[in-house]
Amino acid sequence: MTGNPLGISFVGSRMDRSDHIRGNPELLAGMMTPGARLLRLEGLDPVISAESRLEWGSLAEARDNAELVFLGRQDDRACFAQVPAAGSVAPPNPGLWQAIATLSGEELATYGGARTIVDWHARHRFCARCGHTTVLAKGGWQRNCTNEACRAEHFPRVDPVTIMLVEHEGNVLLGRQPRFPAGNYSALAGFVEPGEAIEEAVAREVQEEAGVIVRDVTYVGSQPWPFPSSLMIGCHAWADDPTVVVDKTELDDARWFTRAEVEDAMQALERNEGGSAFRAPPRTAVANALLRWWVARG
């Protein structure tokens, strides 16, 4: 790990992914010992102890014939997670966000990686090429089609999403989606489309959602976001014209906020309150890290 100067959540796991073991059946089988650990999950949600830590059990707790994903090794012990049974995955528990907020940064990153991979398996039980069933391979980092005439290999996907702060004369552009609680604003964001560079995606999304033309796009930092499998690519851009034209099919509102308003909102969030102008995104969101970075730039 090369550090996390922005304090971005869902990064920083101490898990050694041990890629050389995944493709070696003998080495992988050797990892499945009584001392191996199994991450306890309820569907896709973590089981968290009274000490605010992820709970681990042993492989003996796994369901019969469960698909097991080899997460890697930590503290010289092999770590696994089991793919939820078909039809058992439910929407996130309403208390999920409060629960994971109690985890340390390292444990949150470990959970995020595990959630993403087991969720991918739960949603890819059938071949996208021919429709036949697929089976787990390479320790859970691949699925293979069982149709001998197809034999397609499928790999976990990551969906790139740009999330950006747009600046004009010391103000920053933020928006709110219809699903946001009242008063909440965040950075604009959108998926990178096929055939599109990151810089192009930033410019297109900002223009589509807020009618603002941007220039000089720069990269700030990224965050794996396991709901279900995004990579949030944090960027900064400049605007010469502050005129905002909101696309109401995308956003409820978008507006410029002053540095003082952003500072107030960030300070209020630490008290679990909303600021005088808006409520800032939670600390687990990369938008929060982007705003902290922007404020610190002065």
C-alpha atoms as a PDB file:
ATOM      1  CA  MET A   1       0.000   0.000   0.000  1.00  0.00           C
ATOM      2  CA  THR A   2       1.473   3.358  -1.017  1.00  0.00           C
ATOM      3  CA  GLY A   3      -0.483   5.413   1.465  1.00  0.00           C
ATOM      4  CA  ASN A   4      -3.841   7.105   1.589  1.00  0.00           C
ATOM      5  CA  PRO A   5      -3.169  10.813   2.074  1.00  0.00           C
ATOM      6  CA  LEU A   6      -6.766  11.789   1.317  1.00  0.00           C
ATOM      7  CA  GLY A   7      -8.177   9.414   3.941  1.00  0.00           C
ATOM      8  CA  ILE A   8     -10.418   7.692   1.384  1.00  0.00           C
ATOM      9  CA  SER A   9     -12.600   4.881   2.730  1.00  0.00           C
ATOM     10  CA  PHE A  10     -12.599   1.276   1.420  1.00  0.00           C
ATOM     11  CA  VAL A  11      -8.840   1.340   0.725  1.00  0.00           C
ATOM     12  CA  GLY A  12      -5.957   0.119   2.863  1.00  0.00           C
ATOM     13  CA  SER A  13      -6.682  -3.560   3.517  1.00  0.00           C
ATOM     14  CA  ARG A  14      -3.747  -5.585   4.867  1.00  0.00           C
ATOM     15  CA  MET A  15      -4.933  -8.636   2.945  1.00  0.00           C
ATOM     16  CA  ASP A  16      -2.193 -10.224   0.810  1.00  0.00           C
ATOM     17  CA  ARG A  17      -4.136 -11.200  -2.307  1.00  0.00           C
ATOM     18  CA  SER A  18      -1.651 -14.023  -3.068  1.00  0.00           C
ATOM     19  CA  ASP A  19      -2.373 -14.121  -6.775  1.00  0.00           C
ATOM     20  CA  HIS A  20       0.156 -16.922  -7.313  1.00  0.00           C
ATOM     21  CA  ILE A  21      -2.037 -19.237  -5.220  1.00  0.00           C
ATOM     22  CA  ARG A  22      -5.292 -18.620  -7.082  1.00  0.00           C
ATOM     23  CA  GLY A  23      -4.297 -20.441 -10.239  1.00  0.00           C
ATOM     24  CA  ASN A  24      -2.510 -23.315  -8.520  1.00  0.00           C
ATOM     25  CA  PRO A  25      -5.037 -25.985  -7.445  1.00  0.00           C
ATOM     26  CA  GLU A  26      -2.571 -27.738  -5.151  1.00  0.00           C
ATOM     27  CA  LEU A  27      -1.523 -24.560  -3.332  1.00  0.00           C
ATOM     28  CA  LEU A  28      -5.141 -23.457  -3.077  1.00  0.00           C
ATOM     29  CA  ALA A  29      -6.223 -26.807  -1.627  1.00  0.00           C
ATOM     30  CA  GLY A  30      -3.438 -26.464   0.903  1.00  0.00           C
ATOM     31  CA  MET A  31      -4.966 -23.205   2.104  1.00  0.00           C
ATOM     32  CA  MET A  32      -8.219 -24.946   3.077  1.00  0.00           C
ATOM     33  CA  THR A  33      -7.096 -26.068   6.506  1.00  0.00           C
ATOM     34  CA  PRO A  34      -8.894 -26.007   9.878  1.00  0.00           C
ATOM     35  CA  GLY A  35      -6.989 -22.832  10.655  1.00  0.00           C
ATOM     36  CA  ALA A  36      -8.337 -20.998   7.613  1.00  0.00           C
ATOM     37  CA  ARG A  37     -10.751 -18.159   8.317  1.00  0.00           C
ATOM     38  CA  LEU A  38     -14.221 -17.572   6.861  1.00  0.00           C
ATOM     39  CA  LEU A  39     -15.607 -14.045   6.823  1.00  0.00           C
ATOM     40  CA  ARG A  40     -19.034 -14.048   8.453  1.00  0.00           C
ATOM     41  CA  LEU A  41     -21.644 -12.383   6.273  1.00  0.00           C
ATOM     42  CA  GLU A  42     -25.413 -12.140   6.435  1.00  0.00           C
ATOM     43  CA  GLY A  43     -26.149 -12.160   2.738  1.00  0.00           C
ATOM     44  CA  LEU A  44     -23.767  -9.406   1.679  1.00  0.00           C
ATOM     45  CA  ASP A  45     -23.765  -7.476   4.966  1.00  0.00           C
ATOM     46  CA  PRO A  46     -20.931  -7.930   7.466  1.00  0.00           C
ATOM     47  CA  VAL A  47     -21.315  -9.462  10.897  1.00  0.00           C
ATOM     48  CA  ILE A  48     -19.671  -6.971  13.248  1.00  0.00           C
ATOM     49  CA  SER A  49     -18.578  -7.779  16.773  1.00  0.00           C
ATOM     50  CA  ALA A  50     -19.281  -5.762  19.902  1.00  0.00           C
ATOM     51  CA  GLU A  51     -15.706  -4.464  19.542  1.00  0.00           C
ATOM     52  CA  SER A  52     -16.575  -3.042  16.094  1.00  0.00           C
ATOM     53  CA  ARG A  53     -14.531  -5.588  14.170  1.00  0.00           C
ATOM     54  CA  LEU A  54     -15.360  -7.966  11.354  1.00  0.00           C
ATOM     55  CA  GLU A  55     -16.263 -11.407  12.661  1.00  0.00           C
ATOM     56  CA  TRP A  56     -14.403 -14.407  11.282  1.00  0.00           C
ATOM     57  CA  GLY A  57     -15.235 -18.060  11.714  1.00  0.00           C
ATOM     58  CA  SER A  58     -13.671 -21.234  10.331  1.00  0.00           C
ATOM     59  CA  LEU A  59     -14.261 -23.035   7.054  1.00  0.00           C
ATOM     60  CA  ALA A  60     -16.260 -25.597   9.019  1.00  0.00           C
ATOM     61  CA  GLU A  61     -19.060 -22.999   9.143  1.00  0.00           C
ATOM     62  CA  ALA A  62     -19.442 -22.926   5.359  1.00  0.00           C
ATOM     63  CA  ARG A  63     -22.580 -24.389   3.828  1.00  0.00           C
ATOM     64  CA  ASP A  64     -22.333 -27.783   2.180  1.00  0.00           C
ATOM     65  CA  ASN A  65     -21.209 -27.307  -1.433  1.00  0.00           C
ATOM     66  CA  ALA A  66     -20.830 -23.560  -0.901  1.00  0.00           C
ATOM     67  CA  GLU A  67     -18.707 -21.666  -3.409  1.00  0.00           C
ATOM     68  CA  LEU A  68     -15.717 -20.286  -1.530  1.00  0.00           C
ATOM     69  CA  VAL A  69     -13.724 -17.252  -2.634  1.00  0.00           C
ATOM     70  CA  PHE A  70     -10.084 -17.119  -1.596  1.00  0.00           C
ATOM     71  CA  LEU A  71      -9.624 -13.522  -0.418  1.00  0.00           C
ATOM     72  CA  GLY A  72      -5.920 -13.937   0.326  1.00  0.00           C
ATOM     73  CA  ARG A  73      -3.792 -14.253   3.423  1.00  0.00           C
ATOM     74  CA  GLN A  74      -3.614 -12.077   6.499  1.00  0.00           C
ATOM     75  CA  ASP A  75      -1.472 -12.708   9.572  1.00  0.00           C
ATOM     76  CA  ASP A  76      -0.267 -15.946   7.904  1.00  0.00           C
ATOM     77  CA  ARG A  77      -3.807 -17.328   7.721  1.00  0.00           C
ATOM     78  CA  ALA A  78      -5.832 -18.017   4.608  1.00  0.00           C
ATOM     79  CA  CYS A  79      -9.066 -16.026   4.405  1.00  0.00           C
ATOM     80  CA  PHE A  80     -12.212 -16.992   2.535  1.00  0.00           C
ATOM     81  CA  ALA A  81     -15.753 -15.753   1.987  1.00  0.00           C
ATOM     82  CA  GLN A  82     -18.667 -17.833   0.758  1.00  0.00           C
ATOM     83  CA  VAL A  83     -20.933 -16.827  -2.092  1.00  0.00           C
ATOM     84  CA  PRO A  84     -24.533 -16.335  -0.878  1.00  0.00           C
ATOM     85  CA  ALA A  85     -26.972 -19.068  -1.805  1.00  0.00           C
ATOM     86  CA  ALA A  86     -29.067 -18.411  -4.898  1.00  0.00           C
ATOM     87  CA  GLY A  87     -32.001 -16.146  -4.090  1.00  0.00           C
ATOM     88  CA  SER A  88     -30.709 -15.277  -0.622  1.00  0.00           C
ATOM     89  CA  VAL A  89     -29.334 -11.792  -1.326  1.00  0.00           C
ATOM     90  CA  ALA A  90     -31.580  -9.046   0.019  1.00  0.00           C
ATOM     91  CA  PRO A  91     -31.244  -5.244  -0.188  1.00  0.00           C
ATOM     92  CA  PRO A  92     -28.748  -3.780   2.310  1.00  0.00           C
ATOM     93  CA  ASN A  93     -29.884  -3.739   5.916  1.00  0.00           C
ATOM     94  CA  PRO A  94     -31.157  -0.232   6.827  1.00  0.00           C
ATOM     95  CA  GLY A  95     -28.508  -0.083   9.534  1.00  0.00           C
ATOM     96  CA  LEU A  96     -25.636  -1.069   7.220  1.00  0.00           C
ATOM     97  CA  TRP A  97     -24.169   2.416   6.903  1.00  0.00           C
ATOM     98  CA  GLN A  98     -24.142   3.022  10.636  1.00  0.00           C
ATOM     99  CA  ALA A  99     -22.622  -0.414  11.211  1.00  0.00           C
ATOM    100  CA  ILE A 100     -19.759  -0.171   8.725  1.00  0.00           C
ATOM    101  CA  ALA A 101     -18.948   3.345   9.928  1.00  0.00           C
ATOM    102  CA  THR A 102     -17.708   1.731  13.149  1.00  0.00           C
ATOM    103  CA  LEU A 103     -15.086  -0.375  11.338  1.00  0.00           C
ATOM    104  CA  SER A 104     -11.458   0.686  11.097  1.00  0.00           C
ATOM    105  CA  GLY A 105     -10.183   1.766   7.703  1.00  0.00           C
ATOM    106  CA  GLU A 106      -8.349  -1.532   7.155  1.00  0.00           C
ATOM    107  CA  GLU A 107     -11.363  -3.648   8.055  1.00  0.00           C
ATOM    108  CA  LEU A 108     -13.719  -1.544   5.954  1.00  0.00           C
ATOM    109  CA  ALA A 109     -11.404  -2.103   2.981  1.00  0.00           C
ATOM    110  CA  THR A 110     -11.312  -5.856   3.617  1.00  0.00           C
ATOM    111  CA  TYR A 111     -15.102  -5.997   3.807  1.00  0.00           C
ATOM    112  CA  GLY A 112     -15.502  -3.890   0.683  1.00  0.00           C
ATOM    113  CA  GLY A 113     -13.305  -6.194  -1.370  1.00  0.00           C
ATOM    114  CA  ALA A 114     -15.062  -9.308  -0.082  1.00  0.00           C
ATOM    115  CA  ARG A 115     -18.515  -7.867  -0.670  1.00  0.00           C
ATOM    116  CA  THR A 116     -17.707  -6.911  -4.237  1.00  0.00           C
ATOM    117  CA  ILE A 117     -16.375 -10.308  -5.251  1.00  0.00           C
ATOM    118  CA  VAL A 118     -19.043 -12.472  -3.617  1.00  0.00           C
ATOM    119  CA  ASP A 119     -21.759 -10.183  -4.978  1.00  0.00           C
ATOM    120  CA  TRP A 120     -20.299 -10.591  -8.477  1.00  0.00           C
ATOM    121  CA  HIS A 121     -20.470 -14.369  -8.120  1.00  0.00           C
ATOM    122  CA  ALA A 122     -24.050 -14.213  -6.852  1.00  0.00           C
ATOM    123  CA  ARG A 123     -25.059 -12.210  -9.937  1.00  0.00           C
ATOM    124  CA  HIS A 124     -23.131 -14.214 -12.534  1.00  0.00           C
ATOM    125  CA  ARG A 125     -24.258 -17.796 -12.094  1.00  0.00           C
ATOM    126  CA  PHE A 126     -25.018 -18.082 -15.812  1.00  0.00           C
ATOM    127  CA  CYS A 127     -22.896 -17.538 -18.898  1.00  0.00           C
ATOM    128  CA  ALA A 128     -23.499 -14.244 -20.691  1.00  0.00           C
ATOM    129  CA  ARG A 129     -22.514 -15.889 -23.979  1.00  0.00           C
ATOM    130  CA  CYS A 130     -24.669 -19.026 -24.046  1.00  0.00           C
ATOM    131  CA  GLY A 131     -26.827 -18.998 -20.890  1.00  0.00           C
ATOM    132  CA  HIS A 132     -25.456 -22.192 -19.338  1.00  0.00           C
ATOM    133  CA  THR A 133     -24.457 -22.381 -15.699  1.00  0.00           C
ATOM    134  CA  THR A 134     -21.014 -21.229 -14.632  1.00  0.00           C
ATOM    135  CA  VAL A 135     -18.738 -22.494 -11.877  1.00  0.00           C
ATOM    136  CA  LEU A 136     -16.220 -20.743  -9.679  1.00  0.00           C
ATOM    137  CA  ALA A 137     -12.562 -21.024 -10.756  1.00  0.00           C
ATOM    138  CA  LYS A 138      -9.121 -19.736  -9.724  1.00  0.00           C
ATOM    139  CA  GLY A 139     -10.080 -19.378  -6.100  1.00  0.00           C
ATOM    140  CA  GLY A 140     -13.075 -17.241  -6.958  1.00  0.00           C
ATOM    141  CA  TRP A 141     -11.424 -14.750  -9.278  1.00  0.00           C
ATOM    142  CA  GLN A 142     -12.946 -16.305 -12.379  1.00  0.00           C
ATOM    143  CA  ARG A 143     -16.087 -18.182 -13.462  1.00  0.00           C
ATOM    144  CA  ASN A 144     -16.119 -20.752 -16.253  1.00  0.00           C
ATOM    145  CA  CYS A 145     -19.005 -21.778 -18.451  1.00  0.00           C
ATOM    146  CA  THR A 146     -19.943 -25.458 -18.054  1.00  0.00           C
ATOM    147  CA  ASN A 147     -21.075 -25.777 -21.674  1.00  0.00           C
ATOM    148  CA  GLU A 148     -18.314 -27.702 -23.467  1.00  0.00           C
ATOM    149  CA  ALA A 149     -19.257 -25.997 -26.738  1.00  0.00           C
ATOM    150  CA  CYS A 150     -18.751 -22.563 -25.143  1.00  0.00           C
ATOM    151  CA  ARG A 151     -16.270 -22.766 -22.245  1.00  0.00           C
ATOM    152  CA  ALA A 152     -16.254 -18.991 -21.864  1.00  0.00           C
ATOM    153  CA  GLU A 153     -14.178 -17.525 -19.045  1.00  0.00           C
ATOM    154  CA  HIS A 154     -15.686 -14.666 -17.055  1.00  0.00           C
ATOM    155  CA  PHE A 155     -13.831 -12.288 -14.753  1.00  0.00           C
ATOM    156  CA  PRO A 156     -15.000  -9.915 -12.008  1.00  0.00           C
ATOM    157  CA  ARG A 157     -15.918  -6.560 -13.472  1.00  0.00           C
ATOM    158  CA  VAL A 158     -15.191  -3.098 -12.180  1.00  0.00           C
ATOM    159  CA  ASP A 159     -17.327  -0.205 -13.416  1.00  0.00           C
ATOM    160  CA  PRO A 160     -15.422   3.120 -13.705  1.00  0.00           C
ATOM    161  CA  VAL A 161     -17.304   6.174 -12.447  1.00  0.00           C
ATOM    162  CA  THR A 162     -16.037   9.740 -12.572  1.00  0.00           C
ATOM    163  CA  ILE A 163     -16.865  11.939  -9.596  1.00  0.00           C
ATOM    164  CA  MET A 164     -15.736  15.530  -9.841  1.00  0.00           C
ATOM    165  CA  LEU A 165     -15.476  18.875  -8.161  1.00  0.00           C
ATOM    166  CA  VAL A 166     -15.905  21.767 -10.593  1.00  0.00           C
ATOM    167  CA  GLU A 167     -14.447  25.090  -9.473  1.00  0.00           C
ATOM    168  CA  HIS A 168     -15.160  28.662 -10.565  1.00  0.00           C
ATOM    169  CA  GLU A 169     -13.674  31.718  -8.849  1.00  0.00           C
ATOM    170  CA  GLY A 170     -13.356  30.027  -5.469  1.00  0.00           C
ATOM    171  CA  ASN A 171     -16.747  28.331  -5.542  1.00  0.00           C
ATOM    172  CA  VAL A 172     -17.498  24.636  -6.081  1.00  0.00           C
ATOM    173  CA  LEU A 173     -20.374  23.020  -7.986  1.00  0.00           C
ATOM    174  CA  LEU A 174     -22.404  20.391  -6.108  1.00  0.00           C
ATOM    175  CA  GLY A 175     -25.684  18.674  -6.877  1.00  0.00           C
ATOM    176  CA  ARG A 176     -28.378  16.571  -5.272  1.00  0.00           C
ATOM    177  CA  GLN A 177     -30.125  13.523  -6.659  1.00  0.00           C
ATOM    178  CA  PRO A 178     -33.830  12.891  -6.031  1.00  0.00           C
ATOM    179  CA  ARG A 179     -32.990  10.005  -3.676  1.00  0.00           C
ATOM    180  CA  PHE A 180     -30.844  12.197  -1.399  1.00  0.00           C
ATOM    181  CA  PRO A 181     -32.246  13.207   1.999  1.00  0.00           C
ATOM    182  CA  ALA A 182     -33.374  16.826   2.133  1.00  0.00           C
ATOM    183  CA  GLY A 183     -30.478  19.246   2.263  1.00  0.00           C
ATOM    184  CA  ASN A 184     -27.804  16.782   1.120  1.00  0.00           C
ATOM    185  CA  TYR A 185     -25.465  17.793  -1.710  1.00  0.00           C
ATOM    186  CA  SER A 186     -22.507  15.983  -3.209  1.00  0.00           C
ATOM    187  CA  ALA A 187     -20.080  16.031  -6.119  1.00  0.00           C
ATOM    188  CA  LEU A 188     -21.478  15.319  -9.577  1.00  0.00           C
ATOM    189  CA  ALA A 189     -20.762  11.810 -10.837  1.00  0.00           C
ATOM    190  CA  GLY A 190     -21.441   9.462 -13.719  1.00  0.00           C
ATOM    191  CA  PHE A 191     -20.288   6.248 -15.384  1.00  0.00           C
ATOM    192  CA  VAL A 192     -17.539   6.303 -17.984  1.00  0.00           C
ATOM    193  CA  GLU A 193     -19.072   5.231 -21.286  1.00  0.00           C
ATOM    194  CA  PRO A 194     -17.498   2.861 -23.860  1.00  0.00           C
ATOM    195  CA  GLY A 195     -14.896   4.587 -26.012  1.00  0.00           C
ATOM    196  CA  GLU A 196     -14.518   7.469 -23.579  1.00  0.00           C
ATOM    197  CA  ALA A 197     -11.496   8.791 -21.687  1.00  0.00           C
ATOM    198  CA  ILE A 198     -11.826   9.832 -18.052  1.00  0.00           C
ATOM    199  CA  GLU A 199     -11.414  13.502 -18.968  1.00  0.00           C
ATOM    200  CA  GLU A 200     -14.125  13.197 -21.608  1.00  0.00           C
ATOM    201  CA  ALA A 201     -16.485  11.516 -19.148  1.00  0.00           C
ATOM    202  CA  VAL A 202     -15.993  14.334 -16.631  1.00  0.00           C
ATOM    203  CA  ALA A 203     -16.750  16.998 -19.232  1.00  0.00           C
ATOM    204  CA  ARG A 204     -19.763  15.153 -20.640  1.00  0.00           C
ATOM    205  CA  GLU A 205     -21.364  14.356 -17.281  1.00  0.00           C
ATOM    206  CA  VAL A 206     -21.013  17.908 -15.953  1.00  0.00           C
ATOM    207  CA  GLN A 207     -22.450  19.373 -19.146  1.00  0.00           C
ATOM    208  CA  GLU A 208     -25.311  16.851 -19.241  1.00  0.00           C
ATOM    209  CA  GLU A 209     -26.301  17.234 -15.590  1.00  0.00           C
ATOM    210  CA  ALA A 210     -25.610  20.922 -14.946  1.00  0.00           C
ATOM    211  CA  GLY A 211     -25.045  22.544 -18.341  1.00  0.00           C
ATOM    212  CA  VAL A 212     -21.554  23.686 -17.318  1.00  0.00           C
ATOM    213  CA  ILE A 213     -18.565  23.495 -19.680  1.00  0.00           C
ATOM    214  CA  VAL A 214     -15.322  22.436 -17.958  1.00  0.00           C
ATOM    215  CA  ARG A 215     -11.625  22.452 -18.798  1.00  0.00           C
ATOM    216  CA  ASP A 216      -8.299  21.290 -17.360  1.00  0.00           C
ATOM    217  CA  VAL A 217      -9.524  18.060 -15.790  1.00  0.00           C
ATOM    218  CA  THR A 218      -7.066  16.579 -13.295  1.00  0.00           C
ATOM    219  CA  TYR A 219      -7.059  13.361 -11.274  1.00  0.00           C
ATOM    220  CA  VAL A 220      -7.244  13.599  -7.464  1.00  0.00           C
ATOM    221  CA  GLY A 221      -7.801  10.083  -6.072  1.00  0.00           C
ATOM    222  CA  SER A 222      -9.895   6.951  -6.418  1.00  0.00           C
ATOM    223  CA  GLN A 223     -12.086   4.703  -4.300  1.00  0.00           C
ATOM    224  CA  PRO A 224     -13.365   1.164  -4.814  1.00  0.00           C
ATOM    225  CA  TRP A 225     -17.084   1.343  -4.058  1.00  0.00           C
ATOM    226  CA  PRO A 226     -18.618  -2.096  -3.396  1.00  0.00           C
ATOM    227  CA  PHE A 227     -22.268  -1.213  -4.107  1.00  0.00           C
ATOM    228  CA  PRO A 228     -21.938  -3.234  -6.215  1.00  0.00           C
ATOM    229  CA  SER A 229     -18.624  -2.896  -8.091  1.00  0.00           C
ATOM    230  CA  SER A 230     -17.645   0.656  -8.985  1.00  0.00           C
ATOM    231  CA  LEU A 231     -14.287   2.402  -9.057  1.00  0.00           C
ATOM    232  CA  MET A 232     -14.921   6.034  -8.187  1.00  0.00           C
ATOM    233  CA  ILE A 233     -12.365   8.196 -10.016  1.00  0.00           C
ATOM    234  CA  GLY A 234     -12.124  11.524  -8.215  1.00  0.00           C
ATOM    235  CA  CYS A 235     -11.300  14.518 -10.402  1.00  0.00           C
ATOM    236  CA  HIS A 236     -11.148  18.309 -10.337  1.00  0.00           C
ATOM    237  CA  ALA A 237     -11.995  20.651 -13.217  1.00  0.00           C
ATOM    238  CA  TRP A 238     -12.373  24.368 -13.874  1.00  0.00           C
ATOM    239  CA  ALA A 239     -15.313  26.273 -15.353  1.00  0.00           C
ATOM    240  CA  ASP A 240     -15.162  29.701 -17.003  1.00  0.00           C
ATOM    241  CA  ASP A 241     -18.924  30.272 -17.129  1.00  0.00           C
ATOM    242  CA  PRO A 242     -20.878  29.598 -13.892  1.00  0.00           C
ATOM    243  CA  THR A 243     -24.302  29.429 -15.579  1.00  0.00           C
ATOM    244  CA  VAL A 244     -26.110  26.293 -14.383  1.00  0.00           C
ATOM    245  CA  VAL A 245     -28.883  24.553 -16.330  1.00  0.00           C
ATOM    246  CA  VAL A 246     -30.045  21.534 -14.329  1.00  0.00           C
ATOM    247  CA  ASP A 247     -31.179  18.385 -16.102  1.00  0.00           C
ATOM    248  CA  LYS A 248     -34.164  17.481 -13.941  1.00  0.00           C
ATOM    249  CA  THR A 249     -34.123  13.891 -15.178  1.00  0.00           C
ATOM    250  CA  GLU A 250     -30.727  13.507 -13.475  1.00  0.00           C
ATOM    251  CA  LEU A 251     -30.724  15.949 -10.552  1.00  0.00           C
ATOM    252  CA  ASP A 252     -33.113  17.778  -8.292  1.00  0.00           C
ATOM    253  CA  ASP A 253     -30.713  20.693  -8.053  1.00  0.00           C
ATOM    254  CA  ALA A 254     -27.146  21.835  -8.719  1.00  0.00           C
ATOM    255  CA  ARG A 255     -25.599  25.032  -7.438  1.00  0.00           C
ATOM    256  CA  TRP A 256     -22.355  26.762  -6.521  1.00  0.00           C
ATOM    257  CA  PHE A 257     -21.198  26.859  -2.912  1.00  0.00           C
ATOM    258  CA  THR A 258     -18.579  29.130  -1.394  1.00  0.00           C
ATOM    259  CA  ARG A 259     -15.512  27.836   0.414  1.00  0.00           C
ATOM    260  CA  ALA A 260     -16.935  29.142   3.689  1.00  0.00           C
ATOM    261  CA  GLU A 261     -20.175  27.202   3.122  1.00  0.00           C
ATOM    262  CA  VAL A 262     -18.242  24.015   2.375  1.00  0.00           C
ATOM    263  CA  GLU A 263     -16.047  24.460   5.456  1.00  0.00           C
ATOM    264  CA  ASP A 264     -19.150  24.992   7.580  1.00  0.00           C
ATOM    265  CA  ALA A 265     -20.825  21.869   6.184  1.00  0.00           C
ATOM    266  CA  MET A 266     -17.722  19.741   6.771  1.00  0.00           C
ATOM    267  CA  GLN A 267     -17.406  20.954  10.367  1.00  0.00           C
ATOM    268  CA  ALA A 268     -21.103  20.359  10.982  1.00  0.00           C
ATOM    269  CA  LEU A 269     -20.819  16.806   9.665  1.00  0.00           C
ATOM    270  CA  GLU A 270     -18.297  16.010  12.407  1.00  0.00           C
ATOM    271  CA  ARG A 271     -21.090  16.889  14.862  1.00  0.00           C
ATOM    272  CA  ASN A 272     -23.499  14.731  12.820  1.00  0.00           C
ATOM    273  CA  GLU A 273     -25.326  17.864  11.737  1.00  0.00           C
ATOM    274  CA  GLY A 274     -26.086  19.663   8.514  1.00  0.00           C
ATOM    275  CA  GLY A 275     -24.354  22.911   7.634  1.00  0.00           C
ATOM    276  CA  SER A 276     -26.089  26.229   7.183  1.00  0.00           C
ATOM    277  CA  ALA A 277     -26.091  25.826   3.363  1.00  0.00           C
ATOM    278  CA  PHE A 278     -26.129  22.037   2.883  1.00  0.00           C
ATOM    279  CA  ARG A 279     -25.341  18.697   4.486  1.00  0.00           C
ATOM    280  CA  ALA A 280     -22.029  17.210   3.371  1.00  0.00           C
ATOM    281  CA  PRO A 281     -21.646  13.637   2.066  1.00  0.00           C
ATOM    282  CA  PRO A 282     -20.649  11.011   4.676  1.00  0.00           C
ATOM    283  CA  ARG A 283     -16.992  10.269   5.407  1.00  0.00           C
ATOM    284  CA  THR A 284     -17.264   6.857   3.742  1.00  0.00           C
ATOM    285  CA  ALA A 285     -17.956   8.576   0.389  1.00  0.00           C
ATOM    286  CA  VAL A 286     -15.100   9.722  -1.839  1.00  0.00           C
ATOM    287  CA  ALA A 287     -17.015  12.995  -2.329  1.00  0.00           C
ATOM    288  CA  ASN A 288     -16.254  13.778   1.303  1.00  0.00           C
ATOM    289  CA  ALA A 289     -12.528  13.219   0.695  1.00  0.00           C
ATOM    290  CA  LEU A 290     -12.667  15.422  -2.393  1.00  0.00           C
ATOM    291  CA  LEU A 291     -14.281  18.245  -0.418  1.00  0.00           C
ATOM    292  CA  ARG A 292     -11.727  17.913   2.385  1.00  0.00           C
ATOM    293  CA  TRP A 293      -8.967  18.033  -0.253  1.00  0.00           C
ATOM    294  CA  TRP A 294     -10.522  21.119  -1.838  1.00  0.00           C
ATOM    295  CA  VAL A 295     -10.864  22.970   1.466  1.00  0.00           C
ATOM    296  CA  ALA A 296      -7.260  22.136   2.422  1.00  0.00           C
ATOM    297  CA  ARG A 297      -5.992  23.578  -0.870  1.00  0.00           C
ATOM    298  CA  GLY A 298      -7.127  27.002   0.310  1.00  0.00           C
END
